[in-house]
Protein backbone atom coordinates (compact mmCIF):
# COMPACT_ATOMS: atom_id res chain seq x y z
CA MET A 1 -83.38 146.62 11.25
CA LYS A 2 -80.14 146.02 9.33
CA ARG A 3 -80.23 149.58 7.99
CA TYR A 4 -80.57 150.97 11.53
CA MET A 5 -77.74 148.82 12.84
CA THR A 6 -75.50 149.92 9.96
CA LEU A 7 -76.33 153.55 10.56
CA TYR A 8 -75.67 153.23 14.29
CA TYR A 9 -72.32 151.63 13.51
CA HIS A 10 -71.35 154.67 11.46
CA TYR A 11 -72.54 157.02 14.21
CA VAL A 12 -70.29 155.24 16.71
CA LYS A 13 -67.40 155.12 14.25
CA LEU A 14 -67.58 158.87 13.62
CA ALA A 15 -67.82 159.59 17.34
CA PHE A 16 -64.66 157.64 18.14
CA LYS A 17 -62.83 159.10 15.16
CA SER A 18 -63.41 162.52 16.70
CA LEU A 19 -61.44 161.36 19.76
CA PHE A 20 -58.27 161.30 17.68
CA VAL A 21 -58.98 164.77 16.30
CA TYR A 22 -59.70 166.38 19.68
CA ARG A 23 -57.62 164.18 21.98
CA MET A 24 -56.92 166.83 24.59
CA ASP A 25 -60.61 167.82 24.82
CA PHE A 26 -61.48 164.15 25.31
CA LEU A 27 -58.86 163.66 28.02
CA ILE A 28 -59.85 166.81 29.89
CA GLY A 29 -63.55 166.01 29.62
CA SER A 30 -63.08 162.42 30.77
CA PHE A 31 -60.86 163.50 33.65
CA GLY A 32 -63.48 166.04 34.68
CA PHE A 33 -66.22 163.39 34.82
CA ILE A 34 -63.97 161.00 36.76
CA LEU A 35 -63.08 163.78 39.19
CA SER A 36 -66.73 164.72 39.68
CA THR A 37 -67.88 161.12 40.25
CA GLY A 38 -64.86 160.42 42.44
CA ALA A 39 -65.61 163.48 44.60
CA LEU A 40 -69.17 162.28 45.19
CA PHE A 41 -67.87 158.83 46.08
CA PHE A 42 -65.34 160.34 48.48
CA SER A 43 -68.15 162.26 50.18
CA LEU A 44 -69.75 158.90 51.05
CA PHE A 45 -66.50 157.80 52.67
CA ILE A 46 -66.42 160.94 54.79
CA LEU A 47 -70.12 160.62 55.69
CA PHE A 48 -69.71 157.05 56.99
CA ASN A 49 -66.91 158.15 59.27
CA TYR A 50 -69.66 159.78 61.34
CA VAL A 51 -72.58 157.36 60.89
CA GLU A 52 -72.82 153.58 60.72
CA GLU A 53 -75.76 153.40 58.31
CA ILE A 54 -78.14 155.54 56.27
CA GLY A 55 -81.77 154.53 56.22
CA GLY A 56 -80.78 151.02 57.26
CA TRP A 57 -78.12 150.76 54.54
CA THR A 58 -74.50 150.02 55.39
CA TYR A 59 -71.47 151.65 53.79
CA TRP A 60 -70.94 149.04 51.09
CA GLU A 61 -74.65 148.88 50.30
CA VAL A 62 -74.75 152.65 49.73
CA VAL A 63 -71.55 152.40 47.65
CA PHE A 64 -73.23 149.71 45.53
CA LEU A 65 -76.28 151.97 45.08
CA PHE A 66 -74.04 154.89 44.12
CA ALA A 67 -71.99 152.78 41.68
CA TYR A 68 -74.99 151.12 40.03
CA THR A 69 -76.89 154.41 39.63
CA SER A 70 -73.79 156.12 38.24
CA LEU A 71 -73.24 153.27 35.77
CA ALA A 72 -76.82 153.33 34.47
CA ARG A 73 -76.69 157.11 34.11
CA ALA A 74 -73.26 157.00 32.46
CA ILE A 75 -74.49 154.52 29.83
CA TRP A 76 -77.39 156.84 29.06
CA ASP A 77 -75.09 159.89 29.13
CA THR A 78 -72.65 158.31 26.70
CA PHE A 79 -75.01 156.88 24.11
CA MET A 80 -78.29 158.84 24.32
CA PHE A 81 -77.51 162.27 25.78
CA ASN A 82 -78.20 163.90 22.42
CA MET A 83 -81.93 163.89 23.26
CA MET A 84 -81.17 166.86 25.54
CA SER A 85 -80.68 168.99 22.40
CA LEU A 86 -84.29 168.55 21.22
CA SER A 87 -85.51 171.88 22.59
CA THR A 88 -82.75 173.76 20.74
CA LYS A 89 -83.45 171.88 17.52
CA VAL A 90 -87.18 172.63 17.71
CA ILE A 91 -86.58 176.32 18.40
CA ASP A 92 -84.00 176.90 15.63
CA GLY A 93 -85.79 174.64 13.13
CA SER A 94 -82.93 172.17 12.70
CA PHE A 95 -85.28 169.37 13.81
CA ASP A 96 -86.83 169.61 10.33
CA LEU A 97 -83.68 168.02 8.94
CA TYR A 98 -84.55 164.78 10.75
CA LEU A 99 -87.94 164.73 9.05
CA THR A 100 -86.42 164.94 5.56
CA ARG A 101 -84.42 161.74 6.01
CA PRO A 102 -85.89 158.29 5.28
CA ILE A 103 -85.31 157.05 8.83
CA SER A 104 -86.94 157.46 12.24
CA ALA A 105 -86.52 160.95 13.68
CA LEU A 106 -86.37 159.50 17.19
CA PHE A 107 -83.58 157.12 16.22
CA GLN A 108 -81.57 160.01 14.82
CA LEU A 109 -82.15 162.12 17.92
CA LEU A 110 -81.14 159.35 20.33
CA PHE A 111 -78.11 157.98 18.53
CA GLU A 112 -76.85 160.65 16.13
CA LYS A 113 -74.16 161.72 18.57
CA ILE A 114 -72.20 159.95 21.28
CA ASP A 115 -70.71 161.93 24.13
CA PRO A 116 -67.13 160.63 24.45
CA ASP A 117 -66.41 162.89 27.44
CA THR A 118 -68.52 160.62 29.67
CA ILE A 119 -66.44 157.54 28.85
CA GLY A 120 -64.28 158.34 31.89
CA GLU A 121 -67.36 158.34 34.12
CA LEU A 122 -68.53 155.13 32.44
CA LEU A 123 -65.25 153.31 33.13
CA PHE A 124 -65.03 154.55 36.73
CA SER A 125 -68.65 153.55 37.45
CA PHE A 126 -68.16 150.15 35.82
CA PHE A 127 -65.06 149.46 37.90
CA LEU A 128 -66.76 150.49 41.13
CA THR A 129 -69.84 148.39 40.27
CA PHE A 130 -67.63 145.38 39.50
CA VAL A 131 -65.99 145.74 42.93
CA CYS A 132 -69.42 145.81 44.60
CA LEU A 133 -70.62 142.79 42.61
CA TYR A 134 -67.55 140.92 43.82
CA LYS A 135 -68.09 142.16 47.38
CA PHE A 136 -71.66 140.83 47.47
CA GLU A 137 -70.67 137.66 45.56
CA ILE A 138 -73.20 138.36 42.80
CA LEU A 139 -70.70 137.45 40.07
CA PHE A 140 -70.48 133.90 41.40
CA ASP A 141 -74.17 133.22 40.79
CA VAL A 142 -75.27 132.86 37.15
CA LYS A 143 -78.90 133.66 37.93
CA MET A 144 -77.96 136.81 39.88
CA SER A 145 -75.56 137.89 37.13
CA LEU A 146 -78.34 137.60 34.55
CA LEU A 147 -80.68 139.44 36.91
CA PHE A 148 -78.13 142.23 37.25
CA CYS A 149 -77.90 142.61 33.45
CA GLY A 150 -81.70 142.68 33.20
CA PHE A 151 -81.96 145.29 35.94
CA LEU A 152 -79.25 147.45 34.34
CA PHE A 153 -80.96 147.34 30.94
CA SER A 154 -84.26 148.34 32.56
CA SER A 155 -82.58 151.16 34.53
CA VAL A 156 -80.98 152.63 31.40
CA LEU A 157 -84.37 152.54 29.66
CA ALA A 158 -85.96 154.23 32.68
CA PHE A 159 -83.38 157.03 32.55
CA SER A 160 -84.00 157.38 28.82
CA ALA A 161 -87.77 157.43 29.27
CA ILE A 162 -87.68 160.14 31.92
CA HIS A 163 -85.52 162.49 29.88
CA LEU A 164 -87.29 161.70 26.63
CA VAL A 165 -90.65 162.69 28.12
CA VAL A 166 -89.22 165.91 29.57
CA ASN A 167 -87.54 166.91 26.32
CA ALA A 168 -90.54 165.87 24.20
CA LEU A 169 -92.40 168.65 26.00
CA SER A 170 -90.51 170.91 23.59
CA PHE A 171 -93.22 170.12 21.04
CA TRP A 172 -95.71 171.96 23.27
CA ILE A 173 -93.78 174.49 25.39
CA MET A 174 -90.60 174.94 23.27
CA GLU A 175 -88.25 175.77 26.15
CA THR A 176 -87.72 172.90 28.63
CA ARG A 177 -84.65 174.04 30.55
CA THR A 178 -86.61 174.68 33.76
CA VAL A 179 -88.21 171.23 33.71
CA ASN A 180 -84.85 169.65 32.93
CA PHE A 181 -83.31 171.47 35.89
CA ILE A 182 -85.96 170.03 38.23
CA ILE A 183 -85.44 166.52 36.85
CA TRP A 184 -81.66 166.79 37.26
CA ARG A 185 -82.14 167.78 40.91
CA LEU A 186 -84.37 164.76 41.50
CA ASP A 187 -81.76 162.67 39.70
CA GLU A 188 -79.21 163.57 42.38
CA LEU A 189 -81.46 162.23 45.15
CA ILE A 190 -81.34 158.62 43.96
CA GLN A 191 -77.68 158.20 44.84
CA TYR A 192 -78.92 157.60 48.39
CA PRO A 193 -81.60 155.15 49.63
CA ILE A 194 -85.02 156.69 48.99
CA SER A 195 -86.11 155.32 52.37
CA ILE A 196 -84.44 158.35 54.01
CA TYR A 197 -86.83 160.75 52.28
CA PRO A 198 -90.40 161.72 53.26
CA LYS A 199 -93.17 159.44 52.03
CA TRP A 200 -94.46 162.02 49.54
CA LEU A 201 -91.01 162.34 47.95
CA GLN A 202 -90.60 158.56 47.82
CA LYS A 203 -93.88 158.32 45.88
CA ILE A 204 -92.65 160.94 43.40
CA LEU A 205 -89.36 159.07 42.87
CA ILE A 206 -91.28 155.83 42.30
CA LEU A 207 -93.83 157.41 39.95
CA ILE A 208 -91.33 159.25 37.73
CA PRO A 209 -89.68 156.41 38.00
CA PHE A 210 -86.25 157.25 39.43
CA ALA A 211 -86.49 154.60 42.16
CA PHE A 212 -86.24 151.90 39.48
CA CYS A 213 -82.96 153.39 38.25
CA GLY A 214 -81.09 152.27 41.35
CA TYR A 215 -82.89 151.78 44.65
CA PHE A 216 -85.11 148.80 43.77
CA PRO A 217 -82.55 146.95 41.59
CA VAL A 218 -79.78 147.24 44.18
CA SER A 219 -82.13 146.36 47.07
CA LEU A 220 -83.22 143.19 45.28
CA LEU A 221 -79.66 142.24 44.32
CA ILE A 222 -78.40 142.65 47.87
CA ASN A 223 -81.29 140.87 49.54
CA ALA A 224 -81.65 138.28 46.74
CA GLU A 225 -85.44 138.44 46.92
CA HIS A 226 -87.14 136.72 44.01
CA SER A 227 -90.57 138.23 44.44
CA LEU A 228 -93.10 140.28 42.52
CA TYR A 229 -90.81 143.29 42.93
CA VAL A 230 -88.19 141.57 40.78
CA TYR A 231 -90.56 141.37 37.82
CA MET A 232 -91.82 144.90 38.43
CA THR A 233 -88.26 146.20 38.40
CA LEU A 234 -87.39 144.27 35.24
CA ILE A 235 -90.36 145.68 33.30
CA ALA A 236 -90.33 149.17 34.82
CA GLY A 237 -87.84 150.51 32.28
CA PRO A 238 -89.49 149.02 29.17
CA VAL A 239 -92.95 150.14 30.33
CA ALA A 240 -91.68 153.66 31.08
CA PHE A 241 -90.02 153.83 27.66
CA CYS A 242 -93.26 152.74 25.96
CA VAL A 243 -95.05 155.57 27.77
CA ALA A 244 -92.30 157.94 26.62
CA LEU A 245 -92.84 156.78 23.03
CA LEU A 246 -96.55 157.61 23.33
CA VAL A 247 -95.66 161.13 24.50
CA TRP A 248 -93.13 161.42 21.66
CA ASN A 249 -95.67 160.34 19.03
CA GLN A 250 -98.25 162.80 20.36
CA GLY A 251 -95.62 165.53 20.25
CA MET A 252 -94.69 164.67 16.67
CA ARG A 253 -98.34 165.14 15.68
CA LYS A 254 -98.32 168.56 17.33
CA TYR A 255 -95.01 169.65 15.85
CA GLN A 256 -94.99 172.60 13.48
CA SER A 257 -91.84 173.88 11.84
CA THR A 258 -90.56 177.29 12.89
CA GLY A 259 -90.03 178.08 9.24
CA SER A 260 -86.50 179.31 9.89
């Protein structure tokens, strides 16, 4: 464990050193992410000028859902987005390099690179989430604050599990861009309450499990329900990630070098 922590420290150190080398790229990239997230947030403001609620959710409740989902995704984007390169590495044979090192190939894939461009999105989402936590007085309750941290950890794992499974398909079908495109489109749907979608689509978002990346955590935080759904939401991410690990391990057994 100490070796992995030391290695991760060096990964992070190198990533932030690159910020000083390519400062303008970092600033432009971060500004772009802030602008993109801000534009989506502004669209909510415009939408609620014409309606009072969406699927039974008020303006601030939808803002909380948007902020929380954006924060969970931004954490994954910043620290584990490198898994999206798996298909390319399998095709060009560079994945073999991971196998020659005396450390987990999955660890290297997940944490070898950090995307500093998304730090702007991360900060914006964190600020907006903090405002919503204050609005719903969640910060003033120790139990709810701990529950929020548990939910967020589970949501990040759920995001990671979904994309790890999709990209692990590279071990069987090589090119996964089409599947990734579909998943990204579904990803966009969870910025709104899933209750507004048809039942069949809700079941898909629960099964994948995108609904646990935002809808269920925020619903439980707002309504302060301490029920079976709380425990389901807390374990959804870890369970999904364990399933993703099973798919990864099966893929590793199937993997054959391209020989390039």
